[in-house]
Amino acid sequence: MGIARVGGETAPLLFTSFNDNFMSTDLMEPMASLTVTMFNYATSPYEDWQQLGWAAAFILSMFILSLNIIGRLIIMKRGK
């Protein structure tokens, strides 16, 4: 359940990661993040980028929903 919650809390990344298109190992430098990349693609003027951005957002949402459902099923099964 914790992994699903962390994955769902992506809004703060839009304001704190500063986004960079390249991988960085320095924690004091801007880093690439999936959330900002999806936002940039979804709001771009290119239709194919918009489709990629919205598709990525949908896939991420379905993944988080699946993790939540699986977590709840495990908790219910252990409770019996």
PDB file of N, CA and C in Angstrom:
ATOM      1  N   MET A   1       0.829  -1.186   0.000  1.00  0.00           N
ATOM      2  CA  MET A   1       0.000   0.000   0.000  1.00  0.00           C
ATOM      3  C   MET A   1       0.878   1.256   0.000  1.00  0.00           C
ATOM      4  N   GLY A   2       1.979   1.197   0.703  1.00  0.00           N
ATOM      5  CA  GLY A   2       2.868   2.346   0.775  1.00  0.00           C
ATOM      6  C   GLY A   2       3.455   2.711  -0.578  1.00  0.00           C
ATOM      7  N   ILE A   3       3.798   1.702  -1.369  1.00  0.00           N
ATOM      8  CA  ILE A   3       4.350   1.962  -2.704  1.00  0.00           C
ATOM      9  C   ILE A   3       3.312   2.658  -3.573  1.00  0.00           C
ATOM     10  N   ALA A   4       2.072   2.216  -3.487  1.00  0.00           N
ATOM     11  CA  ALA A   4       1.000   2.849  -4.262  1.00  0.00           C
ATOM     12  C   ALA A   4       0.786   4.288  -3.825  1.00  0.00           C
ATOM     13  N   ARG A   5       0.863   4.535  -2.531  1.00  0.00           N
ATOM     14  CA  ARG A   5       0.686   5.904  -2.025  1.00  0.00           C
ATOM     15  C   ARG A   5       1.817   6.813  -2.505  1.00  0.00           C
ATOM     16  N   VAL A   6       3.039   6.326  -2.437  1.00  0.00           N
ATOM     17  CA  VAL A   6       4.182   7.120  -2.879  1.00  0.00           C
ATOM     18  C   VAL A   6       4.074   7.401  -4.378  1.00  0.00           C
ATOM     19  N   GLY A   7       3.708   6.389  -5.153  1.00  0.00           N
ATOM     20  CA  GLY A   7       3.561   6.582  -6.594  1.00  0.00           C
ATOM     21  C   GLY A   7       2.457   7.551  -6.940  1.00  0.00           C
ATOM     22  N   GLY A   8       1.430   7.620  -6.122  1.00  0.00           N
ATOM     23  CA  GLY A   8       0.318   8.532  -6.364  1.00  0.00           C
ATOM     24  C   GLY A   8       0.600   9.960  -5.967  1.00  0.00           C
ATOM     25  N   GLU A   9       1.584  10.176  -5.147  1.00  0.00           N
ATOM     26  CA  GLU A   9       1.925  11.518  -4.677  1.00  0.00           C
ATOM     27  C   GLU A   9       2.917  12.166  -5.631  1.00  0.00           C
ATOM     28  N   THR A  10       2.513  12.406  -6.838  1.00  0.00           N
ATOM     29  CA  THR A  10       3.430  12.942  -7.837  1.00  0.00           C
ATOM     30  C   THR A  10       3.318  14.448  -8.015  1.00  0.00           C
ATOM     31  N   ALA A  11       2.280  15.065  -7.515  1.00  0.00           N
ATOM     32  CA  ALA A  11       2.109  16.506  -7.692  1.00  0.00           C
ATOM     33  C   ALA A  11       3.269  17.319  -7.118  1.00  0.00           C
ATOM     34  N   PRO A  12       3.812  16.978  -5.949  1.00  0.00           N
ATOM     35  CA  PRO A  12       4.947  17.763  -5.446  1.00  0.00           C
ATOM     36  C   PRO A  12       6.160  17.727  -6.371  1.00  0.00           C
ATOM     37  N   LEU A  13       6.311  16.669  -7.154  1.00  0.00           N
ATOM     38  CA  LEU A  13       7.447  16.600  -8.079  1.00  0.00           C
ATOM     39  C   LEU A  13       7.385  17.687  -9.141  1.00  0.00           C
ATOM     40  N   LEU A  14       6.179  18.093  -9.505  1.00  0.00           N
ATOM     41  CA  LEU A  14       6.053  19.150 -10.503  1.00  0.00           C
ATOM     42  C   LEU A  14       6.700  20.449 -10.030  1.00  0.00           C
ATOM     43  N   PHE A  15       6.732  20.655  -8.722  1.00  0.00           N
ATOM     44  CA  PHE A  15       7.246  21.914  -8.180  1.00  0.00           C
ATOM     45  C   PHE A  15       8.650  21.802  -7.601  1.00  0.00           C
ATOM     46  N   THR A  16       9.118  20.592  -7.330  1.00  0.00           N
ATOM     47  CA  THR A  16      10.382  20.459  -6.612  1.00  0.00           C
ATOM     48  C   THR A  16      11.521  19.829  -7.401  1.00  0.00           C
ATOM     49  N   SER A  17      11.263  19.159  -8.492  1.00  0.00           N
ATOM     50  CA  SER A  17      12.345  18.423  -9.166  1.00  0.00           C
ATOM     51  C   SER A  17      13.118  19.274 -10.161  1.00  0.00           C
ATOM     52  N   PHE A  18      12.580  20.402 -10.577  1.00  0.00           N
ATOM     53  CA  PHE A  18      13.195  21.325 -11.537  1.00  0.00           C
ATOM     54  C   PHE A  18      13.401  20.698 -12.915  1.00  0.00           C
ATOM     55  N   ASN A  19      13.211  19.462 -13.046  1.00  0.00           N
ATOM     56  CA  ASN A  19      13.273  18.661 -14.275  1.00  0.00           C
ATOM     57  C   ASN A  19      14.500  18.923 -15.142  1.00  0.00           C
ATOM     58  N   ASP A  20      15.047  17.846 -15.576  1.00  0.00           N
ATOM     59  CA  ASP A  20      16.169  17.828 -16.502  1.00  0.00           C
ATOM     60  C   ASP A  20      15.915  16.649 -17.430  1.00  0.00           C
ATOM     61  N   ASN A  21      16.301  16.768 -18.671  1.00  0.00           N
ATOM     62  CA  ASN A  21      16.047  15.687 -19.626  1.00  0.00           C
ATOM     63  C   ASN A  21      17.066  14.561 -19.537  1.00  0.00           C
ATOM     64  N   PHE A  22      18.069  14.724 -18.704  1.00  0.00           N
ATOM     65  CA  PHE A  22      19.141  13.743 -18.627  1.00  0.00           C
ATOM     66  C   PHE A  22      19.254  13.175 -17.219  1.00  0.00           C
ATOM     67  N   MET A  23      19.708  11.945 -17.130  1.00  0.00           N
ATOM     68  CA  MET A  23      19.905  11.271 -15.844  1.00  0.00           C
ATOM     69  C   MET A  23      21.052  11.932 -15.082  1.00  0.00           C
ATOM     70  N   SER A  24      20.830  12.160 -13.800  1.00  0.00           N
ATOM     71  CA  SER A  24      21.857  12.767 -12.960  1.00  0.00           C
ATOM     72  C   SER A  24      21.941  11.996 -11.648  1.00  0.00           C
ATOM     73  N   THR A  25      23.141  11.816 -11.138  1.00  0.00           N
ATOM     74  CA  THR A  25      23.308  11.162  -9.841  1.00  0.00           C
ATOM     75  C   THR A  25      23.578  12.163  -8.726  1.00  0.00           C
ATOM     76  N   ASP A  26      23.749  13.431  -9.088  1.00  0.00           N
ATOM     77  CA  ASP A  26      23.983  14.480  -8.098  1.00  0.00           C
ATOM     78  C   ASP A  26      22.641  14.962  -7.543  1.00  0.00           C
ATOM     79  N   LEU A  27      22.428  14.778  -6.247  1.00  0.00           N
ATOM     80  CA  LEU A  27      21.148  15.132  -5.633  1.00  0.00           C
ATOM     81  C   LEU A  27      20.907  16.636  -5.560  1.00  0.00           C
ATOM     82  N   MET A  28      21.919  17.441  -5.793  1.00  0.00           N
ATOM     83  CA  MET A  28      21.768  18.895  -5.757  1.00  0.00           C
ATOM     84  C   MET A  28      21.478  19.490  -7.136  1.00  0.00           C
ATOM     85  N   GLU A  29      21.446  18.672  -8.148  1.00  0.00           N
ATOM     86  CA  GLU A  29      21.183  19.119  -9.516  1.00  0.00           C
ATOM     87  C   GLU A  29      19.767  18.712  -9.929  1.00  0.00           C
ATOM     88  N   PRO A  30      19.192  19.374 -10.943  1.00  0.00           N
ATOM     89  CA  PRO A  30      17.877  18.957 -11.451  1.00  0.00           C
ATOM     90  C   PRO A  30      17.915  17.508 -11.936  1.00  0.00           C
ATOM     91  N   MET A  31      16.804  16.801 -11.744  1.00  0.00           N
ATOM     92  CA  MET A  31      16.714  15.394 -12.135  1.00  0.00           C
ATOM     93  C   MET A  31      15.516  15.175 -13.034  1.00  0.00           C
ATOM     94  N   ALA A  32      15.612  14.176 -13.851  1.00  0.00           N
ATOM     95  CA  ALA A  32      14.477  13.794 -14.688  1.00  0.00           C
ATOM     96  C   ALA A  32      13.426  13.127 -13.808  1.00  0.00           C
ATOM     97  N   SER A  33      12.165  13.421 -14.060  1.00  0.00           N
ATOM     98  CA  SER A  33      11.099  12.734 -13.333  1.00  0.00           C
ATOM     99  C   SER A  33       9.974  12.419 -14.308  1.00  0.00           C
ATOM    100  N   LEU A  34       9.376  11.287 -14.115  1.00  0.00           N
ATOM    101  CA  LEU A  34       8.306  10.837 -14.992  1.00  0.00           C
ATOM    102  C   LEU A  34       7.134  11.808 -14.969  1.00  0.00           C
ATOM    103  N   THR A  35       6.810  12.326 -13.802  1.00  0.00           N
ATOM    104  CA  THR A  35       5.663  13.226 -13.671  1.00  0.00           C
ATOM    105  C   THR A  35       5.824  14.489 -14.511  1.00  0.00           C
ATOM    106  N   VAL A  36       6.973  15.114 -14.419  1.00  0.00           N
ATOM    107  CA  VAL A  36       7.203  16.350 -15.163  1.00  0.00           C
ATOM    108  C   VAL A  36       7.275  16.056 -16.662  1.00  0.00           C
ATOM    109  N   THR A  37       7.881  14.951 -17.030  1.00  0.00           N
ATOM    110  CA  THR A  37       7.952  14.578 -18.441  1.00  0.00           C
ATOM    111  C   THR A  37       6.552  14.350 -19.008  1.00  0.00           C
ATOM    112  N   MET A  38       5.693  13.658 -18.247  1.00  0.00           N
ATOM    113  CA  MET A  38       4.306  13.454 -18.697  1.00  0.00           C
ATOM    114  C   MET A  38       3.593  14.789 -18.843  1.00  0.00           C
ATOM    115  N   PHE A  39       3.771  15.689 -17.878  1.00  0.00           N
ATOM    116  CA  PHE A  39       3.134  17.001 -17.941  1.00  0.00           C
ATOM    117  C   PHE A  39       3.611  17.779 -19.159  1.00  0.00           C
ATOM    118  N   ASN A  40       4.923  17.778 -19.396  1.00  0.00           N
ATOM    119  CA  ASN A  40       5.469  18.496 -20.549  1.00  0.00           C
ATOM    120  C   ASN A  40       4.951  17.927 -21.862  1.00  0.00           C
ATOM    121  N   TYR A  41       4.857  16.624 -21.942  1.00  0.00           N
ATOM    122  CA  TYR A  41       4.338  16.000 -23.158  1.00  0.00           C
ATOM    123  C   TYR A  41       2.853  16.312 -23.343  1.00  0.00           C
ATOM    124  N   ALA A  42       2.073  16.223 -22.272  1.00  0.00           N
ATOM    125  CA  ALA A  42       0.626  16.441 -22.373  1.00  0.00           C
ATOM    126  C   ALA A  42       0.284  17.884 -22.730  1.00  0.00           C
ATOM    127  N   THR A  43       1.134  18.838 -22.367  1.00  0.00           N
ATOM    128  CA  THR A  43       0.851  20.244 -22.654  1.00  0.00           C
ATOM    129  C   THR A  43       1.653  20.780 -23.838  1.00  0.00           C
ATOM    130  N   SER A  44       2.313  19.907 -24.568  1.00  0.00           N
ATOM    131  CA  SER A  44       3.123  20.349 -25.710  1.00  0.00           C
ATOM    132  C   SER A  44       2.227  20.667 -26.906  1.00  0.00           C
ATOM    133  N   PRO A  45       2.728  21.404 -27.880  1.00  0.00           N
ATOM    134  CA  PRO A  45       1.930  21.731 -29.064  1.00  0.00           C
ATOM    135  C   PRO A  45       1.866  20.591 -30.084  1.00  0.00           C
ATOM    136  N   TYR A  46       2.626  19.526 -29.857  1.00  0.00           N
ATOM    137  CA  TYR A  46       2.666  18.419 -30.807  1.00  0.00           C
ATOM    138  C   TYR A  46       1.651  17.342 -30.419  1.00  0.00           C
ATOM    139  N   GLU A  47       0.792  16.987 -31.365  1.00  0.00           N
ATOM    140  CA  GLU A  47      -0.282  16.038 -31.068  1.00  0.00           C
ATOM    141  C   GLU A  47       0.253  14.667 -30.664  1.00  0.00           C
ATOM    142  N   ASP A  48       1.304  14.190 -31.307  1.00  0.00           N
ATOM    143  CA  ASP A  48       1.841  12.877 -30.942  1.00  0.00           C
ATOM    144  C   ASP A  48       2.449  12.891 -29.541  1.00  0.00           C
ATOM    145  N   TRP A  49       3.074  13.988 -29.136  1.00  0.00           N
ATOM    146  CA  TRP A  49       3.595  14.105 -27.768  1.00  0.00           C
ATOM    147  C   TRP A  49       2.442  14.146 -26.766  1.00  0.00           C
ATOM    148  N   GLN A  50       1.359  14.848 -27.119  1.00  0.00           N
ATOM    149  CA  GLN A  50       0.197  14.903 -26.236  1.00  0.00           C
ATOM    150  C   GLN A  50      -0.378  13.507 -26.012  1.00  0.00           C
ATOM    151  N   GLN A  51      -0.462  12.734 -27.068  1.00  0.00           N
ATOM    152  CA  GLN A  51      -0.974  11.364 -26.933  1.00  0.00           C
ATOM    153  C   GLN A  51      -0.069  10.525 -26.048  1.00  0.00           C
ATOM    154  N   LEU A  52       1.244  10.683 -26.205  1.00  0.00           N
ATOM    155  CA  LEU A  52       2.185   9.950 -25.350  1.00  0.00           C
ATOM    156  C   LEU A  52       2.056  10.374 -23.889  1.00  0.00           C
ATOM    157  N   GLY A  53       1.914  11.661 -23.654  1.00  0.00           N
ATOM    158  CA  GLY A  53       1.766  12.163 -22.288  1.00  0.00           C
ATOM    159  C   GLY A  53       0.516  11.641 -21.609  1.00  0.00           C
ATOM    160  N   TRP A  54      -0.606  11.696 -22.313  1.00  0.00           N
ATOM    161  CA  TRP A  54      -1.853  11.211 -21.734  1.00  0.00           C
ATOM    162  C   TRP A  54      -1.868   9.692 -21.591  1.00  0.00           C
ATOM    163  N   ALA A  55      -1.237   8.992 -22.518  1.00  0.00           N
ATOM    164  CA  ALA A  55      -1.138   7.531 -22.399  1.00  0.00           C
ATOM    165  C   ALA A  55      -0.295   7.155 -21.186  1.00  0.00           C
ATOM    166  N   ALA A  56       0.806   7.853 -20.970  1.00  0.00           N
ATOM    167  CA  ALA A  56       1.650   7.585 -19.805  1.00  0.00           C
ATOM    168  C   ALA A  56       0.897   7.883 -18.513  1.00  0.00           C
ATOM    169  N   ALA A  57       0.129   8.960 -18.485  1.00  0.00           N
ATOM    170  CA  ALA A  57      -0.663   9.298 -17.297  1.00  0.00           C
ATOM    171  C   ALA A  57      -1.703   8.220 -17.023  1.00  0.00           C
ATOM    172  N   PHE A  58      -2.337   7.715 -18.068  1.00  0.00           N
ATOM    173  CA  PHE A  58      -3.341   6.654 -17.901  1.00  0.00           C
ATOM    174  C   PHE A  58      -2.694   5.371 -17.382  1.00  0.00           C
ATOM    175  N   ILE A  59      -1.559   4.996 -17.961  1.00  0.00           N
ATOM    176  CA  ILE A  59      -0.877   3.772 -17.532  1.00  0.00           C
ATOM    177  C   ILE A  59      -0.424   3.897 -16.081  1.00  0.00           C
ATOM    178  N   LEU A  60       0.138   5.039 -15.711  1.00  0.00           N
ATOM    179  CA  LEU A  60       0.554   5.251 -14.328  1.00  0.00           C
ATOM    180  C   LEU A  60      -0.642   5.194 -13.381  1.00  0.00           C
ATOM    181  N   SER A  61      -1.757   5.789 -13.766  1.00  0.00           N
ATOM    182  CA  SER A  61      -2.965   5.763 -12.928  1.00  0.00           C
ATOM    183  C   SER A  61      -3.479   4.344 -12.751  1.00  0.00           C
ATOM    184  N   MET A  62      -3.493   3.566 -13.822  1.00  0.00           N
ATOM    185  CA  MET A  62      -3.965   2.181 -13.736  1.00  0.00           C
ATOM    186  C   MET A  62      -3.014   1.321 -12.900  1.00  0.00           C
ATOM    187  N   PHE A  63      -1.720   1.594 -12.984  1.00  0.00           N
ATOM    188  CA  PHE A  63      -0.743   0.869 -12.180  1.00  0.00           C
ATOM    189  C   PHE A  63      -0.955   1.150 -10.698  1.00  0.00           C
ATOM    190  N   ILE A  64      -1.143   2.426 -10.353  1.00  0.00           N
ATOM    191  CA  ILE A  64      -1.369   2.801  -8.956  1.00  0.00           C
ATOM    192  C   ILE A  64      -2.689   2.225  -8.455  1.00  0.00           C
ATOM    193  N   LEU A  65      -3.734   2.275  -9.277  1.00  0.00           N
ATOM    194  CA  LEU A  65      -5.016   1.685  -8.897  1.00  0.00           C
ATOM    195  C   LEU A  65      -4.868   0.189  -8.653  1.00  0.00           C
ATOM    196  N   SER A  66      -4.138  -0.499  -9.530  1.00  0.00           N
ATOM    197  CA  SER A  66      -3.915  -1.943  -9.371  1.00  0.00           C
ATOM    198  C   SER A  66      -3.162  -2.248  -8.079  1.00  0.00           C
ATOM    199  N   LEU A  67      -2.118  -1.466  -7.793  1.00  0.00           N
ATOM    200  CA  LEU A  67      -1.380  -1.678  -6.544  1.00  0.00           C
ATOM    201  C   LEU A  67      -2.276  -1.476  -5.324  1.00  0.00           C
ATOM    202  N   ASN A  68      -3.137  -0.471  -5.360  1.00  0.00           N
ATOM    203  CA  ASN A  68      -4.063  -0.246  -4.247  1.00  0.00           C
ATOM    204  C   ASN A  68      -5.036  -1.403  -4.085  1.00  0.00           C
ATOM    205  N   ILE A  69      -5.584  -1.890  -5.178  1.00  0.00           N
ATOM    206  CA  ILE A  69      -6.536  -3.003  -5.115  1.00  0.00           C
ATOM    207  C   ILE A  69      -5.849  -4.267  -4.607  1.00  0.00           C
ATOM    208  N   ILE A  70      -4.669  -4.563  -5.131  1.00  0.00           N
ATOM    209  CA  ILE A  70      -3.935  -5.745  -4.682  1.00  0.00           C
ATOM    210  C   ILE A  70      -3.589  -5.638  -3.201  1.00  0.00           C
ATOM    211  N   GLY A  71      -3.161  -4.466  -2.774  1.00  0.00           N
ATOM    212  CA  GLY A  71      -2.854  -4.259  -1.362  1.00  0.00           C
ATOM    213  C   GLY A  71      -4.067  -4.467  -0.475  1.00  0.00           C
ATOM    214  N   ARG A  72      -5.190  -3.951  -0.888  1.00  0.00           N
ATOM    215  CA  ARG A  72      -6.415  -4.138  -0.093  1.00  0.00           C
ATOM    216  C   ARG A  72      -6.857  -5.593  -0.060  1.00  0.00           C
ATOM    217  N   LEU A  73      -6.713  -6.300  -1.178  1.00  0.00           N
ATOM    218  CA  LEU A  73      -7.060  -7.725  -1.201  1.00  0.00           C
ATOM    219  C   LEU A  73      -6.156  -8.529  -0.271  1.00  0.00           C
ATOM    220  N   ILE A  74      -4.879  -8.206  -0.254  1.00  0.00           N
ATOM    221  CA  ILE A  74      -3.948  -8.897   0.649  1.00  0.00           C
ATOM    222  C   ILE A  74      -4.318  -8.627   2.103  1.00  0.00           C
ATOM    223  N   ILE A  75      -4.643  -7.383   2.411  1.00  0.00           N
ATOM    224  CA  ILE A  75      -5.030  -7.042   3.777  1.00  0.00           C
ATOM    225  C   ILE A  75      -6.301  -7.755   4.166  1.00  0.00           C
ATOM    226  N   MET A  76      -7.284  -7.807   3.275  1.00  0.00           N
ATOM    227  CA  MET A  76      -8.541  -8.508   3.575  1.00  0.00           C
ATOM    228  C   MET A  76      -8.307 -10.003   3.773  1.00  0.00           C
ATOM    229  N   LYS A  77      -7.437 -10.584   2.953  1.00  0.00           N
ATOM    230  CA  LYS A  77      -7.164 -12.019   3.057  1.00  0.00           C
ATOM    231  C   LYS A  77      -6.460 -12.361   4.364  1.00  0.00           C
ATOM    232  N   ARG A  78      -5.542 -11.512   4.808  1.00  0.00           N
ATOM    233  CA  ARG A  78      -4.831 -11.747   6.070  1.00  0.00           C
ATOM    234  C   ARG A  78      -5.731 -11.532   7.273  1.00  0.00           C
ATOM    235  N   GLY A  79      -6.735 -10.678   7.125  1.00  0.00           N
ATOM    236  CA  GLY A  79      -7.638 -10.387   8.245  1.00  0.00           C
ATOM    237  C   GLY A  79      -8.589 -11.533   8.576  1.00  0.00           C
ATOM    238  N   LYS A  80      -8.777 -12.441   7.647  1.00  0.00           N
ATOM    239  CA  LYS A  80      -9.726 -13.544   7.885  1.00  0.00           C
ATOM    240  C   LYS A  80      -9.122 -14.677   8.589  1.00  0.00           C
TER     241      LYS A  80
END
